């Protein structure tokens, strides 16, 4: 390819770029006009029917369950300590 052919090709590509830019600008303007004329109605429903009494009751039930388990563990531990102490006293009584 010689210089004249390359210059013609460059000019053709520049013309195509200019055409595509003009087409892009036209389409962008049309889309902006369509969006400008469009109205959006947004409706929010924030009425969450929270039953606070049920939530409090559930938390209370969970707390009572934890407390009952802790109480049972403490009683078991205490009974083990008492029975070990009782066994020690009985052993001491028989060793004398």
N, C-alpha and C. Protein backbone atom coordinates (compact mmCIF):
# COMPACT_ATOMS: atom_id res chain seq x y z
N UNK A 1 0.85 -1.19 0.00
CA UNK A 1 0.00 0.00 0.00
C UNK A 1 0.88 1.23 0.00
N UNK A 2 0.43 2.15 -0.78
CA UNK A 2 1.23 3.36 -0.82
C UNK A 2 0.61 4.43 0.07
N UNK A 3 1.24 5.55 0.10
CA UNK A 3 0.84 6.63 1.01
C UNK A 3 -0.56 7.12 0.70
N UNK A 4 -0.93 7.24 -0.55
CA UNK A 4 -2.24 7.75 -0.94
C UNK A 4 -3.34 6.80 -0.47
N UNK A 5 -3.11 5.51 -0.66
CA UNK A 5 -4.11 4.54 -0.22
C UNK A 5 -4.27 4.56 1.30
N UNK A 6 -3.17 4.67 2.04
CA UNK A 6 -3.23 4.73 3.51
C UNK A 6 -3.95 5.99 3.98
N UNK A 7 -3.68 7.12 3.31
CA UNK A 7 -4.37 8.36 3.69
C UNK A 7 -5.86 8.25 3.41
N UNK A 8 -6.25 7.60 2.34
CA UNK A 8 -7.66 7.41 2.01
C UNK A 8 -8.32 6.52 3.05
N UNK A 9 -7.59 5.47 3.48
CA UNK A 9 -8.11 4.57 4.49
C UNK A 9 -8.28 5.31 5.83
N UNK A 10 -7.31 6.12 6.19
CA UNK A 10 -7.39 6.90 7.43
C UNK A 10 -8.58 7.85 7.37
N UNK A 11 -8.77 8.51 6.24
CA UNK A 11 -9.88 9.44 6.09
C UNK A 11 -11.22 8.71 6.17
N UNK A 12 -11.30 7.52 5.59
CA UNK A 12 -12.54 6.74 5.66
C UNK A 12 -12.83 6.32 7.10
N UNK A 13 -11.79 5.91 7.82
CA UNK A 13 -11.98 5.53 9.23
C UNK A 13 -12.38 6.73 10.08
N UNK A 14 -11.82 7.89 9.82
CA UNK A 14 -12.20 9.09 10.57
C UNK A 14 -13.65 9.46 10.27
N UNK A 15 -14.07 9.33 9.01
CA UNK A 15 -15.46 9.59 8.66
C UNK A 15 -16.40 8.62 9.39
N UNK A 16 -15.98 7.35 9.47
CA UNK A 16 -16.80 6.36 10.17
C UNK A 16 -16.88 6.69 11.66
N UNK A 17 -15.75 7.09 12.24
CA UNK A 17 -15.74 7.48 13.66
C UNK A 17 -16.67 8.67 13.89
N UNK A 18 -16.59 9.66 13.03
CA UNK A 18 -17.45 10.84 13.17
C UNK A 18 -18.93 10.47 13.04
N UNK A 19 -19.23 9.59 12.08
CA UNK A 19 -20.61 9.13 11.90
C UNK A 19 -21.11 8.41 13.15
N UNK A 20 -20.27 7.49 13.69
CA UNK A 20 -20.67 6.73 14.88
C UNK A 20 -20.84 7.64 16.10
N UNK A 21 -19.99 8.67 16.21
CA UNK A 21 -20.14 9.64 17.31
C UNK A 21 -21.46 10.39 17.19
N UNK A 22 -21.78 10.82 15.98
CA UNK A 22 -23.04 11.54 15.76
C UNK A 22 -24.22 10.64 16.06
N UNK A 23 -24.15 9.38 15.63
CA UNK A 23 -25.21 8.43 15.91
C UNK A 23 -25.36 8.20 17.41
N UNK A 24 -24.25 8.05 18.10
CA UNK A 24 -24.25 7.87 19.54
C UNK A 24 -24.89 9.07 20.24
N UNK A 25 -24.48 10.26 19.86
CA UNK A 25 -25.03 11.47 20.47
C UNK A 25 -26.54 11.57 20.23
N UNK A 26 -26.99 11.23 19.03
CA UNK A 26 -28.42 11.27 18.72
C UNK A 26 -29.19 10.27 19.58
N UNK A 27 -28.69 9.03 19.66
CA UNK A 27 -29.36 8.01 20.46
C UNK A 27 -29.37 8.38 21.94
N UNK A 28 -28.27 8.94 22.42
CA UNK A 28 -28.19 9.36 23.82
C UNK A 28 -29.21 10.46 24.12
N UNK A 29 -29.33 11.41 23.22
CA UNK A 29 -30.31 12.50 23.40
C UNK A 29 -31.73 11.94 23.41
N UNK A 30 -32.03 11.02 22.50
CA UNK A 30 -33.36 10.42 22.47
C UNK A 30 -33.67 9.66 23.76
N UNK A 31 -32.71 8.90 24.24
CA UNK A 31 -32.92 8.16 25.49
C UNK A 31 -33.11 9.10 26.67
N UNK A 32 -32.33 10.18 26.71
CA UNK A 32 -32.48 11.14 27.81
C UNK A 32 -33.85 11.79 27.76
N UNK A 33 -34.36 12.08 26.56
CA UNK A 33 -35.71 12.65 26.45
C UNK A 33 -36.77 11.66 26.90
N UNK A 34 -36.60 10.39 26.58
CA UNK A 34 -37.55 9.38 27.02
C UNK A 34 -37.56 9.25 28.54
N UNK A 35 -36.39 9.25 29.14
CA UNK A 35 -36.29 9.13 30.59
C UNK A 35 -36.84 10.38 31.26
N UNK A 36 -36.61 11.53 30.66
CA UNK A 36 -37.08 12.79 31.23
C UNK A 36 -38.60 12.81 31.29
N UNK A 37 -39.26 12.22 30.31
CA UNK A 37 -40.71 12.22 30.26
C UNK A 37 -41.34 11.08 31.07
N UNK A 38 -40.51 10.24 31.64
CA UNK A 38 -41.02 9.10 32.40
C UNK A 38 -41.06 9.47 33.87
N UNK A 39 -42.20 9.17 34.48
CA UNK A 39 -42.30 9.40 35.92
C UNK A 39 -42.39 8.05 36.61
N UNK A 40 -41.81 8.01 37.78
CA UNK A 40 -41.78 6.77 38.54
C UNK A 40 -42.53 7.00 39.84
N UNK A 41 -43.44 6.09 40.13
CA UNK A 41 -44.17 6.16 41.39
C UNK A 41 -43.69 4.99 42.24
N UNK A 42 -43.17 5.33 43.38
CA UNK A 42 -42.62 4.32 44.26
C UNK A 42 -43.42 4.33 45.54
N UNK A 43 -43.90 3.18 45.91
CA UNK A 43 -44.72 3.07 47.10
C UNK A 43 -44.02 2.12 48.06
N UNK A 44 -43.81 2.58 49.28
CA UNK A 44 -43.16 1.76 50.29
C UNK A 44 -44.16 1.37 51.35
N UNK A 45 -44.05 0.15 51.78
CA UNK A 45 -44.90 -0.33 52.85
C UNK A 45 -44.00 -0.66 54.04
N UNK A 46 -43.91 0.27 54.96
CA UNK A 46 -43.07 0.07 56.13
C UNK A 46 -43.87 -0.40 57.33
N UNK A 47 -45.06 -0.81 57.11
CA UNK A 47 -45.89 -1.23 58.24
C UNK A 47 -45.59 -2.68 58.58
N UNK A 48 -44.53 -2.86 59.30
CA UNK A 48 -44.17 -4.20 59.75
C UNK A 48 -44.93 -4.45 61.04
N UNK A 49 -45.72 -5.46 61.02
CA UNK A 49 -46.51 -5.77 62.21
C UNK A 49 -45.65 -6.57 63.19
N UNK A 50 -44.86 -5.84 63.94
CA UNK A 50 -44.01 -6.48 64.92
C UNK A 50 -44.82 -6.71 66.19
N UNK A 51 -44.87 -7.95 66.59
CA UNK A 51 -45.57 -8.30 67.81
C UNK A 51 -44.52 -8.33 68.92
N UNK A 52 -44.36 -7.17 69.57
CA UNK A 52 -43.33 -7.06 70.59
C UNK A 52 -43.61 -7.96 71.77
N UNK A 53 -44.87 -8.20 72.08
CA UNK A 53 -45.19 -9.09 73.20
C UNK A 53 -44.69 -10.50 72.92
N UNK A 54 -44.85 -10.96 71.69
CA UNK A 54 -44.37 -12.29 71.32
C UNK A 54 -42.85 -12.34 71.36
N UNK A 55 -42.19 -11.28 70.91
CA UNK A 55 -40.73 -11.23 70.93
C UNK A 55 -40.23 -11.27 72.37
N UNK A 56 -40.84 -10.47 73.25
CA UNK A 56 -40.44 -10.45 74.65
C UNK A 56 -40.68 -11.81 75.29
N UNK A 57 -41.80 -12.43 74.96
CA UNK A 57 -42.11 -13.75 75.52
C UNK A 57 -41.09 -14.78 75.06
N UNK A 58 -40.68 -14.71 73.81
CA UNK A 58 -39.68 -15.66 73.29
C UNK A 58 -38.34 -15.46 73.98
N UNK A 59 -37.92 -14.22 74.15
CA UNK A 59 -36.65 -13.94 74.82
C UNK A 59 -36.73 -14.40 76.27
N UNK A 60 -37.86 -14.15 76.91
CA UNK A 60 -38.03 -14.57 78.30
C UNK A 60 -37.95 -16.10 78.41
N UNK A 61 -38.57 -16.81 77.48
CA UNK A 61 -38.53 -18.27 77.49
C UNK A 61 -37.10 -18.77 77.30
N UNK A 62 -36.35 -18.14 76.42
CA UNK A 62 -34.96 -18.52 76.21
C UNK A 62 -34.14 -18.28 77.47
N UNK A 63 -34.36 -17.12 78.11
CA UNK A 63 -33.64 -16.79 79.33
C UNK A 63 -33.97 -17.78 80.43
N UNK A 64 -35.25 -18.12 80.58
CA UNK A 64 -35.66 -19.06 81.62
C UNK A 64 -35.06 -20.44 81.36
N UNK A 65 -34.98 -20.85 80.11
CA UNK A 65 -34.37 -22.13 79.76
C UNK A 65 -32.90 -22.14 80.16
N UNK A 66 -32.20 -21.06 79.84
CA UNK A 66 -30.78 -20.95 80.19
C UNK A 66 -30.62 -20.96 81.71
N UNK A 67 -31.48 -20.22 82.41
CA UNK A 67 -31.41 -20.17 83.87
C UNK A 67 -31.68 -21.54 84.47
N UNK A 68 -32.67 -22.28 83.95
CA UNK A 68 -32.98 -23.61 84.47
C UNK A 68 -31.82 -24.58 84.26
N UNK A 69 -31.20 -24.50 83.08
CA UNK A 69 -30.05 -25.37 82.82
C UNK A 69 -28.89 -25.03 83.75
N UNK A 70 -28.66 -23.73 83.97
CA UNK A 70 -27.57 -23.31 84.86
C UNK A 70 -27.86 -23.77 86.29
N UNK A 71 -29.10 -23.64 86.71
CA UNK A 71 -29.48 -24.07 88.05
C UNK A 71 -29.28 -25.57 88.21
N UNK A 72 -29.67 -26.34 87.21
CA UNK A 72 -29.50 -27.80 87.27
C UNK A 72 -28.02 -28.17 87.31
N UNK A 73 -27.20 -27.49 86.53
CA UNK A 73 -25.76 -27.76 86.55
C UNK A 73 -25.17 -27.42 87.91
N UNK A 74 -25.58 -26.30 88.49
CA UNK A 74 -25.07 -25.90 89.80
C UNK A 74 -25.50 -26.89 90.88
N UNK A 75 -26.74 -27.36 90.81
CA UNK A 75 -27.22 -28.33 91.80
C UNK A 75 -26.47 -29.65 91.66
N UNK A 76 -26.22 -30.08 90.42
CA UNK A 76 -25.47 -31.30 90.19
C UNK A 76 -24.06 -31.17 90.74
N UNK A 77 -23.43 -30.07 90.47
CA UNK A 77 -22.07 -29.82 90.97
C UNK A 77 -22.07 -29.83 92.50
N UNK A 78 -23.05 -29.15 93.10
CA UNK A 78 -23.14 -29.08 94.56
C UNK A 78 -23.34 -30.47 95.16
N UNK A 79 -24.25 -31.25 94.55
CA UNK A 79 -24.51 -32.59 95.08
C UNK A 79 -23.26 -33.46 94.97
N UNK A 80 -22.49 -33.30 93.91
CA UNK A 80 -21.26 -34.07 93.76
C UNK A 80 -20.27 -33.69 94.85
N UNK A 81 -20.15 -32.40 95.13
CA UNK A 81 -19.23 -31.93 96.16
C UNK A 81 -19.68 -32.41 97.53
N UNK A 82 -20.99 -32.35 97.78
CA UNK A 82 -21.51 -32.79 99.08
C UNK A 82 -21.29 -34.28 99.25
N UNK A 83 -21.57 -35.05 98.19
CA UNK A 83 -21.40 -36.50 98.32
C UNK A 83 -19.93 -36.86 98.50
N UNK A 84 -19.03 -36.14 97.86
CA UNK A 84 -17.60 -36.39 98.06
C UNK A 84 -17.21 -36.05 99.49
N UNK A 85 -17.74 -34.94 100.00
CA UNK A 85 -17.45 -34.56 101.39
C UNK A 85 -18.01 -35.58 102.36
N UNK A 86 -19.21 -36.07 102.10
CA UNK A 86 -19.83 -37.08 102.96
C UNK A 86 -19.02 -38.36 102.93
N UNK A 87 -18.54 -38.74 101.76
CA UNK A 87 -17.72 -39.94 101.65
C UNK A 87 -16.43 -39.78 102.44
N UNK A 88 -15.86 -38.60 102.41
CA UNK A 88 -14.62 -38.35 103.15
C UNK A 88 -14.88 -38.48 104.65
N UNK A 89 -16.01 -37.94 105.14
CA UNK A 89 -16.34 -38.02 106.56
C UNK A 89 -16.56 -39.47 106.97
N UNK A 90 -17.23 -40.24 106.14
CA UNK A 90 -17.48 -41.64 106.46
C UNK A 90 -16.16 -42.40 106.50
N UNK A 91 -15.28 -42.13 105.54
CA UNK A 91 -13.99 -42.79 105.52
C UNK A 91 -13.18 -42.43 106.76
N UNK A 92 -13.22 -41.17 107.17
CA UNK A 92 -12.47 -40.74 108.35
C UNK A 92 -13.02 -41.43 109.60
N UNK A 93 -14.33 -41.60 109.67
CA UNK A 93 -14.96 -42.22 110.82
C UNK A 93 -14.50 -43.68 110.97
N UNK A 94 -14.37 -44.37 109.85
CA UNK A 94 -13.98 -45.77 109.92
C UNK A 94 -12.49 -45.97 110.04
N UNK A 95 -11.70 -44.97 109.73
CA UNK A 95 -10.26 -45.14 109.81
C UNK A 95 -9.76 -44.94 111.23
N UNK A 96 -10.56 -44.36 112.12
CA UNK A 96 -10.10 -44.15 113.49
C UNK A 96 -10.26 -45.35 114.29
